[in-house]
Amino acid sequence: MGDEKKKRVMVAIDESVYSHHALRWALQNLDSLQDGKAKVYILTVLPVADIGYIYASTPANTAPELIQSVQENQRKAAGLLLEKAKNICTEYGIDAETISEPGDPKEVICEAAEKYDVQLLVVGSHGRNALKRAFLGSVSNYCVHNANCPVLVVKKPT
């Protein structure tokens, strides 16, 4: 069966234990992943660095180099994160495609789900209480309400 016939599942990850729990949960519990009937995408979002503070706190002639260094470090961290996730998939006999995109995580995740035409988006829940969600926002909540596909939110047991 070619990839065009397979269902597509995207798991959005970050550096948290919550997203890695969601990845492992999906690999263990979604039958379409276990029987090879789904293509798996692992997505991480590169944060957009707030470069205003770099310009304000460094001499103008060194700011571009510092910005480039910050962006390179973010790319390296994302690469390591995706490599770890890909290794977790390999433990389950699943070959996943990895993706990293820059931007606001909640918007990028929804856009990527649409771009890759996924049938299921899996995200972890950070387990924030209502007050923290109100101030910090919730990526999983945003995805549930804005993604163009079903969203599975996996909570890590306490």
Protein backbone atom coordinates (compact mmCIF):
# COMPACT_ATOMS: atom_id res chain seq x y z
CA MET A 1 0.00 0.00 0.00
CA GLY A 2 1.49 3.36 -1.03
CA ASP A 3 1.67 6.38 1.25
CA GLU A 4 -1.11 8.09 -0.69
CA LYS A 5 -3.54 5.38 0.51
CA LYS A 6 -2.39 5.45 4.11
CA LYS A 7 -4.02 7.50 6.79
CA ARG A 8 -1.81 10.28 8.08
CA VAL A 9 -1.27 10.91 11.78
CA MET A 10 0.72 13.85 13.13
CA VAL A 11 2.15 13.98 16.63
CA ALA A 12 3.23 17.43 17.79
CA ILE A 13 6.10 17.36 20.27
CA ASP A 14 8.13 19.76 22.34
CA GLU A 15 10.78 19.20 25.01
CA SER A 16 8.19 18.32 27.67
CA VAL A 17 7.52 14.91 29.17
CA TYR A 18 3.86 15.47 28.23
CA SER A 19 4.45 15.43 24.50
CA HIS A 20 6.75 12.40 24.72
CA HIS A 21 4.09 10.60 26.74
CA ALA A 22 1.55 11.47 24.01
CA LEU A 23 3.90 10.07 21.35
CA ARG A 24 4.43 6.80 23.23
CA TRP A 25 0.70 6.54 23.98
CA ALA A 26 -0.16 6.96 20.30
CA LEU A 27 2.42 4.39 19.23
CA GLN A 28 1.13 1.88 21.77
CA ASN A 29 -2.61 2.42 21.35
CA LEU A 30 -3.46 3.47 17.81
CA ASP A 31 -4.01 0.30 15.80
CA SER A 32 -3.44 2.03 12.45
CA LEU A 33 0.09 2.93 13.58
CA GLN A 34 0.85 -0.56 14.83
CA ASP A 35 -0.29 -2.33 11.68
CA GLY A 36 1.48 0.04 9.30
CA LYS A 37 -1.74 1.49 7.86
CA ALA A 38 -0.83 5.06 8.77
CA LYS A 39 1.98 7.41 7.86
CA VAL A 40 3.35 9.13 10.95
CA TYR A 41 4.60 12.71 11.03
CA ILE A 42 6.43 14.09 14.05
CA LEU A 43 6.28 17.88 14.23
CA THR A 44 8.19 20.27 16.42
CA VAL A 45 7.90 24.03 16.28
CA LEU A 46 10.92 26.30 16.29
CA PRO A 47 10.13 29.28 18.48
CA VAL A 48 10.54 32.63 16.82
CA ALA A 49 13.24 34.39 18.82
CA ASP A 50 12.36 37.78 20.21
CA ILE A 51 15.28 39.59 18.60
CA GLY A 52 14.30 43.01 19.89
CA TYR A 53 16.11 42.39 23.16
CA ILE A 54 19.24 41.33 21.28
CA TYR A 55 19.37 44.62 19.41
CA ALA A 56 18.66 46.56 22.60
CA SER A 57 21.30 44.81 24.70
CA THR A 58 24.21 44.28 22.30
CA PRO A 59 26.36 46.50 20.11
CA ALA A 60 24.82 46.87 16.65
CA ASN A 61 27.79 45.25 14.90
CA THR A 62 27.46 42.00 16.92
CA ALA A 63 23.64 41.66 16.93
CA PRO A 64 23.37 39.84 13.55
CA GLU A 65 25.94 37.25 14.64
CA LEU A 66 24.17 36.72 17.96
CA ILE A 67 20.79 36.33 16.24
CA GLN A 68 22.27 33.80 13.84
CA SER A 69 23.78 31.90 16.78
CA VAL A 70 20.44 31.82 18.64
CA GLN A 71 18.63 30.56 15.54
CA GLU A 72 21.28 27.90 14.92
CA ASN A 73 21.03 26.68 18.51
CA GLN A 74 17.24 26.44 18.15
CA ARG A 75 17.63 24.38 14.96
CA LYS A 76 20.11 22.05 16.70
CA ALA A 77 17.79 21.59 19.69
CA ALA A 78 14.86 20.83 17.37
CA GLY A 79 17.00 18.33 15.46
CA LEU A 80 17.92 16.51 18.66
CA LEU A 81 14.30 16.51 19.80
CA LEU A 82 13.12 15.05 16.49
CA GLU A 83 15.92 12.48 16.51
CA LYS A 84 14.82 11.32 19.98
CA ALA A 85 11.19 11.09 18.79
CA LYS A 86 12.22 9.18 15.66
CA ASN A 87 14.17 6.74 17.84
CA ILE A 88 11.07 6.21 20.00
CA CYS A 89 9.11 5.43 16.82
CA THR A 90 11.80 2.98 15.72
CA GLU A 91 11.42 1.13 19.05
CA TYR A 92 7.84 0.42 17.93
CA GLY A 93 8.87 -0.53 14.39
CA ILE A 94 7.47 2.68 12.90
CA ASP A 95 9.30 4.87 10.41
CA ALA A 96 8.18 8.43 11.00
CA GLU A 97 8.80 11.54 8.97
CA THR A 98 10.06 14.49 10.99
CA ILE A 99 9.14 18.12 10.42
CA SER A 100 10.23 21.36 12.06
CA GLU A 101 8.57 24.68 11.31
CA PRO A 102 9.14 28.14 12.84
CA GLY A 103 6.40 30.18 14.46
CA ASP A 104 3.75 30.23 17.15
CA PRO A 105 3.25 26.56 18.15
CA LYS A 106 -0.55 26.55 18.19
CA GLU A 107 -0.83 28.17 14.76
CA VAL A 108 2.00 26.16 13.19
CA ILE A 109 0.58 22.85 14.44
CA CYS A 110 -2.84 23.55 12.93
CA GLU A 111 -1.32 24.80 9.67
CA ALA A 112 0.93 21.74 9.40
CA ALA A 113 -1.99 19.39 10.04
CA GLU A 114 -3.77 20.99 7.12
CA LYS A 115 -0.68 21.14 4.89
CA TYR A 116 0.04 17.43 5.36
CA ASP A 117 -3.67 16.54 5.16
CA VAL A 118 -3.59 14.51 8.37
CA GLN A 119 -6.61 12.59 9.56
CA LEU A 120 -5.60 12.75 13.23
CA LEU A 121 -3.52 15.22 15.21
CA VAL A 122 -2.08 14.01 18.53
CA VAL A 123 -0.95 16.52 21.16
CA GLY A 124 0.02 16.20 24.79
CA SER A 125 -1.66 18.10 27.58
CA HIS A 126 0.54 19.99 30.01
CA GLY A 127 -2.05 19.51 32.72
CA ARG A 128 -2.35 23.19 33.59
CA ASN A 129 -5.18 24.30 35.80
CA ALA A 130 -7.80 26.75 34.56
CA LEU A 131 -6.00 29.81 35.90
CA LYS A 132 -2.69 28.95 34.21
CA ARG A 133 -4.50 28.15 30.95
CA ALA A 134 -6.21 31.55 31.11
CA PHE A 135 -2.89 33.38 31.42
CA LEU A 136 -0.61 31.13 29.38
CA GLY A 137 -3.06 29.77 26.86
CA SER A 138 -3.27 26.16 25.85
CA VAL A 139 -1.84 24.80 22.64
CA SER A 140 -3.96 21.66 22.89
CA ASN A 141 -7.14 23.69 23.48
CA TYR A 142 -6.35 25.92 20.51
CA CYS A 143 -5.75 22.86 18.30
CA VAL A 144 -9.01 21.22 19.40
CA HIS A 145 -10.93 24.32 18.35
CA ASN A 146 -8.98 25.29 15.22
CA ALA A 147 -7.46 22.22 13.55
CA ASN A 148 -9.25 20.98 10.44
CA CYS A 149 -9.04 17.36 11.63
CA PRO A 150 -9.84 15.37 14.77
CA VAL A 151 -7.46 16.12 17.64
CA LEU A 152 -6.50 13.59 20.30
CA VAL A 153 -5.27 15.21 23.51
CA VAL A 154 -3.29 12.76 25.63
CA LYS A 155 -3.00 13.53 29.34
CA LYS A 156 -0.06 12.18 31.28
CA PRO A 157 -1.25 10.37 34.41
CA THR A 158 -0.33 12.16 37.62
